[in-house]
Protein backbone atom coordinates (compact mmCIF):
# COMPACT_ATOMS: atom_id res chain seq x y z
CA UNK A 1 -89.14 -26.90 1.95
CA UNK A 2 -87.07 -23.81 1.16
CA UNK A 3 -87.46 -21.24 -1.59
CA UNK A 4 -85.01 -19.06 -3.48
CA UNK A 5 -85.63 -15.76 -5.23
CA UNK A 6 -83.16 -14.90 -7.99
CA UNK A 7 -82.18 -11.26 -7.60
CA UNK A 8 -78.59 -10.93 -8.84
CA UNK A 9 -79.13 -9.59 -12.35
CA UNK A 10 -78.16 -6.06 -13.36
CA UNK A 11 -81.38 -5.42 -15.25
CA UNK A 12 -79.77 -3.82 -18.30
CA UNK A 13 -83.06 -3.41 -20.16
CA UNK A 14 -84.45 -1.53 -17.15
CA UNK A 15 -81.82 1.20 -17.23
CA UNK A 16 -81.80 3.97 -16.15
CA UNK A 17 -84.22 2.72 -13.46
CA UNK A 18 -81.65 0.17 -12.29
CA UNK A 19 -78.64 2.47 -12.29
CA UNK A 20 -79.10 3.19 -8.59
CA UNK A 21 -81.53 0.45 -7.54
CA UNK A 22 -81.51 -3.34 -7.97
CA UNK A 23 -84.34 -4.44 -10.26
CA UNK A 24 -86.20 -6.49 -7.59
CA UNK A 25 -86.72 -3.28 -5.60
CA UNK A 26 -88.50 -1.51 -8.44
CA UNK A 27 -92.09 -0.92 -7.38
CA UNK A 28 -95.39 -2.03 -8.88
CA UNK A 29 -98.75 -1.77 -7.17
CA UNK A 30 -97.15 0.09 -4.27
CA UNK A 31 -94.64 -2.66 -3.45
CA UNK A 32 -91.17 -3.72 -4.60
CA UNK A 33 -91.36 -6.60 -7.08
CA UNK A 34 -89.50 -8.92 -4.72
CA UNK A 35 -91.89 -8.18 -1.86
CA UNK A 36 -94.82 -9.64 -3.84
CA UNK A 37 -92.88 -12.93 -3.90
CA UNK A 38 -91.90 -12.81 -0.24
CA UNK A 39 -95.43 -12.15 0.97
CA UNK A 40 -96.90 -14.86 -1.25
CA UNK A 41 -94.26 -17.34 -0.03
CA UNK A 42 -94.93 -16.36 3.57
CA UNK A 43 -98.66 -16.98 3.18
CA UNK A 44 -97.85 -20.36 1.62
CA UNK A 45 -95.91 -21.42 4.71
CA UNK A 46 -92.35 -20.98 3.44
CA UNK A 47 -90.33 -19.94 6.47
CA UNK A 48 -86.82 -19.84 4.96
CA UNK A 49 -86.18 -17.89 1.78
CA UNK A 50 -82.79 -17.50 0.09
CA UNK A 51 -82.11 -14.39 -1.98
CA UNK A 52 -79.00 -14.13 -4.13
CA UNK A 53 -77.68 -10.73 -5.11
CA UNK A 54 -74.80 -9.02 -6.86
CA UNK A 55 -75.56 -5.61 -8.35
CA UNK A 56 -76.35 -3.21 -5.46
CA UNK A 57 -77.09 -6.22 -3.29
CA UNK A 58 -76.53 -4.28 -0.10
CA UNK A 59 -79.62 -2.24 -0.91
CA UNK A 60 -81.70 -5.42 -0.99
CA UNK A 61 -80.46 -6.40 2.46
CA UNK A 62 -81.08 -2.89 3.79
CA UNK A 63 -84.62 -2.81 2.41
CA UNK A 64 -85.70 -6.31 3.41
CA UNK A 65 -83.68 -7.02 6.56
CA UNK A 66 -83.91 -10.47 8.08
CA UNK A 67 -87.51 -10.99 6.91
CA UNK A 68 -89.00 -11.09 10.39
CA UNK A 69 -91.49 -8.35 9.55
CA UNK A 70 -92.87 -10.56 6.77
CA UNK A 71 -93.05 -13.71 8.86
CA UNK A 72 -90.05 -15.39 7.22
CA UNK A 73 -86.30 -15.80 7.63
CA UNK A 74 -84.31 -14.29 4.78
CA UNK A 75 -80.90 -15.75 3.94
CA UNK A 76 -78.66 -13.86 1.54
CA UNK A 77 -76.28 -15.44 -0.97
CA UNK A 78 -73.94 -12.65 -2.03
CA UNK A 79 -72.12 -12.92 -5.35
CA UNK A 80 -69.13 -10.69 -6.09
CA UNK A 81 -70.15 -10.86 -9.76
CA UNK A 82 -73.42 -12.28 -11.04
CA UNK A 83 -73.13 -16.04 -11.52
CA UNK A 84 -76.18 -16.43 -13.81
CA UNK A 85 -79.07 -18.68 -12.84
CA UNK A 86 -77.43 -22.11 -12.43
CA UNK A 87 -74.26 -20.64 -10.98
CA UNK A 88 -76.24 -18.58 -8.49
CA UNK A 89 -78.27 -21.58 -7.40
CA UNK A 90 -75.14 -23.75 -7.07
CA UNK A 91 -73.52 -21.01 -4.98
CA UNK A 92 -76.56 -20.97 -2.68
CA UNK A 93 -76.93 -24.75 -2.27
CA UNK A 94 -75.47 -24.73 1.28
CA UNK A 95 -78.41 -22.49 2.25
CA UNK A 96 -81.00 -24.54 0.37
CA UNK A 97 -80.30 -27.97 1.85
CA UNK A 98 -80.43 -31.44 0.35
CA UNK A 99 -84.16 -31.60 -0.44
CA UNK A 100 -85.96 -30.21 -3.50
CA UNK A 101 -86.51 -26.45 -3.39
CA UNK A 102 -88.55 -23.81 -5.17
CA UNK A 103 -86.87 -21.10 -7.28
CA UNK A 104 -88.58 -17.92 -8.51
CA UNK A 105 -87.12 -15.28 -10.80
CA UNK A 106 -87.16 -11.96 -9.01
CA UNK A 107 -88.23 -10.07 -12.14
CA UNK A 108 -91.52 -11.85 -12.81
CA UNK A 109 -94.99 -11.34 -11.36
CA UNK A 110 -97.33 -14.30 -11.04
CA UNK A 111 -100.44 -15.15 -9.01
CA UNK A 112 -99.53 -18.86 -8.83
CA UNK A 113 -99.87 -20.27 -5.31
CA UNK A 114 -96.43 -21.45 -4.05
CA UNK A 115 -97.90 -24.05 -1.70
CA UNK A 116 -98.37 -26.19 -4.82
CA UNK A 117 -94.58 -26.56 -5.00
CA UNK A 118 -94.64 -29.15 -2.23
CA UNK A 119 -96.72 -31.53 -4.33
CA UNK A 120 -94.48 -30.95 -7.35
CA UNK A 121 -91.41 -31.73 -5.25
CA UNK A 122 -92.67 -35.24 -4.41
CA UNK A 123 -91.76 -36.51 -7.87
CA UNK A 124 -88.17 -35.29 -7.74
CA UNK A 125 -85.19 -37.51 -6.97
CA UNK A 126 -81.76 -38.16 -8.53
CA UNK A 127 -83.08 -41.30 -10.27
CA UNK A 128 -86.37 -39.77 -11.43
CA UNK A 129 -87.15 -36.15 -12.28
CA UNK A 130 -84.59 -33.46 -11.52
CA UNK A 131 -86.90 -30.53 -12.20
CA UNK A 132 -90.53 -29.51 -12.52
CA UNK A 133 -91.16 -26.30 -14.46
CA UNK A 134 -94.12 -23.96 -14.41
CA UNK A 135 -94.95 -23.10 -18.04
CA UNK A 136 -97.41 -20.59 -19.42
CA UNK A 137 -98.92 -19.41 -22.69
CA UNK A 138 -96.50 -17.43 -24.83
CA UNK A 139 -96.67 -13.66 -24.31
CA UNK A 140 -96.64 -11.26 -27.26
CA UNK A 141 -92.97 -10.43 -26.72
CA UNK A 142 -91.96 -14.13 -26.78
CA UNK A 143 -94.30 -15.82 -29.28
CA UNK A 144 -92.06 -18.80 -30.04
CA UNK A 145 -91.98 -20.03 -26.43
CA UNK A 146 -89.20 -22.02 -24.78
CA UNK A 147 -90.13 -25.67 -24.40
CA UNK A 148 -92.66 -28.30 -25.43
CA UNK A 149 -95.06 -29.92 -22.98
CA UNK A 150 -96.47 -33.32 -23.90
CA UNK A 151 -99.85 -34.73 -22.77
CA UNK A 152 -98.13 -36.72 -20.01
CA UNK A 153 -96.62 -33.64 -18.39
CA UNK A 154 -93.11 -34.18 -19.76
CA UNK A 155 -91.06 -31.20 -20.96
CA UNK A 156 -89.02 -31.42 -24.16
CA UNK A 157 -86.42 -29.31 -25.91
CA UNK A 158 -87.98 -28.23 -29.25
CA UNK A 159 -84.52 -28.10 -30.79
CA UNK A 160 -84.17 -31.87 -30.30
CA UNK A 161 -87.02 -32.62 -32.69
CA UNK A 162 -85.99 -36.22 -33.25
CA UNK A 163 -87.12 -36.98 -29.69
CA UNK A 164 -90.47 -35.17 -29.96
CA UNK A 165 -93.15 -37.28 -31.65
CA UNK A 166 -96.38 -36.28 -29.92
CA UNK A 167 -99.11 -34.17 -31.55
CA UNK A 168 -100.24 -31.53 -31.12
CA UNK A 169 -97.00 -29.90 -30.03
CA UNK A 170 -97.57 -27.21 -27.41
CA UNK A 171 -94.85 -24.58 -27.31
CA UNK A 172 -94.96 -22.79 -23.96
CA UNK A 173 -92.91 -20.18 -22.13
CA UNK A 174 -90.94 -20.95 -18.99
CA UNK A 175 -92.21 -18.67 -16.23
CA UNK A 176 -88.93 -18.58 -14.31
CA UNK A 177 -90.61 -20.61 -11.56
CA UNK A 178 -89.44 -24.16 -10.97
CA UNK A 179 -88.87 -26.84 -8.38
CA UNK A 180 -85.44 -28.46 -8.52
CA UNK A 181 -83.59 -31.34 -6.94
CA UNK A 182 -80.07 -30.35 -5.81
CA UNK A 183 -78.67 -33.18 -7.96
CA UNK A 184 -79.46 -31.11 -11.06
CA UNK A 185 -76.60 -28.80 -10.08
CA UNK A 186 -74.09 -31.48 -9.12
CA UNK A 187 -71.68 -30.59 -11.92
CA UNK A 188 -71.93 -26.81 -11.56
CA UNK A 189 -69.08 -24.92 -9.92
CA UNK A 190 -70.22 -22.62 -7.15
CA UNK A 191 -67.79 -19.88 -8.13
CA UNK A 192 -68.30 -19.72 -11.90
CA UNK A 193 -71.14 -18.23 -13.97
CA UNK A 194 -73.39 -20.89 -15.49
CA UNK A 195 -76.78 -20.62 -17.25
CA UNK A 196 -79.70 -22.86 -16.33
CA UNK A 197 -80.98 -23.71 -19.83
CA UNK A 198 -78.20 -26.18 -20.75
CA UNK A 199 -78.78 -28.13 -17.54
CA UNK A 200 -82.49 -28.32 -18.20
CA UNK A 201 -82.04 -29.38 -21.82
CA UNK A 202 -79.65 -32.15 -20.79
CA UNK A 203 -82.16 -33.37 -18.21
CA UNK A 204 -84.94 -33.20 -20.82
CA UNK A 205 -82.93 -35.48 -23.11
CA UNK A 206 -82.82 -37.96 -20.23
CA UNK A 207 -86.56 -37.64 -19.63
CA UNK A 208 -86.06 -36.04 -16.21
CA UNK A 209 -88.04 -32.81 -16.48
CA UNK A 210 -91.73 -32.53 -15.67
CA UNK A 211 -93.92 -29.52 -16.34
CA UNK A 212 -97.21 -27.88 -15.44
CA UNK A 213 -99.18 -25.60 -17.75
CA UNK A 214 -100.24 -22.59 -15.69
CA UNK A 215 -103.21 -20.62 -17.03
CA UNK A 216 -103.22 -17.78 -14.49
CA UNK A 217 -101.67 -14.32 -14.54
CA UNK A 218 -97.95 -14.05 -15.27
CA UNK A 219 -95.71 -11.25 -16.51
CA UNK A 220 -92.01 -10.99 -17.26
CA UNK A 221 -91.08 -7.55 -15.97
CA UNK A 222 -88.13 -7.05 -18.30
CA UNK A 223 -88.64 -3.48 -19.51
CA UNK A 224 -89.85 -0.16 -18.07
CA UNK A 225 -92.98 -0.42 -20.24
CA UNK A 226 -93.91 -3.82 -18.75
CA UNK A 227 -93.22 -2.50 -15.25
CA UNK A 228 -95.59 0.42 -15.92
CA UNK A 229 -98.19 -2.00 -17.32
CA UNK A 230 -98.01 -4.19 -14.21
CA UNK A 231 -98.21 -1.16 -11.94
CA UNK A 232 -101.32 0.07 -13.71
CA UNK A 233 -102.97 -3.37 -13.48
CA UNK A 234 -102.23 -3.76 -9.78
CA UNK A 235 -103.36 -0.23 -8.99
CA UNK A 236 -106.61 -0.85 -10.88
CA UNK A 237 -107.19 -4.09 -8.97
CA UNK A 238 -106.61 -2.33 -5.67
CA UNK A 239 -109.01 0.44 -6.64
CA UNK A 240 -111.74 -2.02 -7.62
CA UNK A 241 -111.39 -3.87 -4.32
CA UNK A 242 -111.74 -0.64 -2.37
CA UNK A 243 -115.08 0.09 -4.04
CA UNK A 244 -116.82 -2.89 -2.40
């Protein structure tokens, strides 16, 4: 199974930090954000990792190399202009293969164990589920959440209320971590920007999106303040470990 880390965004809310550095290379806990993902994927047995990039992408390649030093093989999917999430994944499909794959946003931090993705991938096929999303409790900066998760592990679009009849309704936030079947992107052009949300909502209407409620640590590192918060947390954890 292969994994992809999304790293093509400009990181406008992170400026001026991202004026001269791609956001995934911003550091927290003594490491670039993207390196936390790579090391966790390596420990989980992922040997091939695809990274897409656009803004200052050459700096990502210079910093990370071929991945050998981390025990993985890094494959780069360069975009002349950022293709958004679905467009970037469609552009990288030749590197991801024909089997389900794991995708992680490069600007999140999460202690979820990626080896669990293999079990989630078993339920994916063109005639069954096209995606399985990792969902979490809504953070303070996103209290309304993104999607609804029913008791049977099915994900629903809250805007399509006529299809949502279960109670209680659990609004959760999409972590930016998901397992996808390539068929989800069959209609997406590989050279045009395309967002992921419309694809997921269409699949939800067809009952083809599963979900898992993750209760562990997760942060969307979308602003300098959140980056500083994560850095402080990771530094504190490291300090506490060194005291034993």
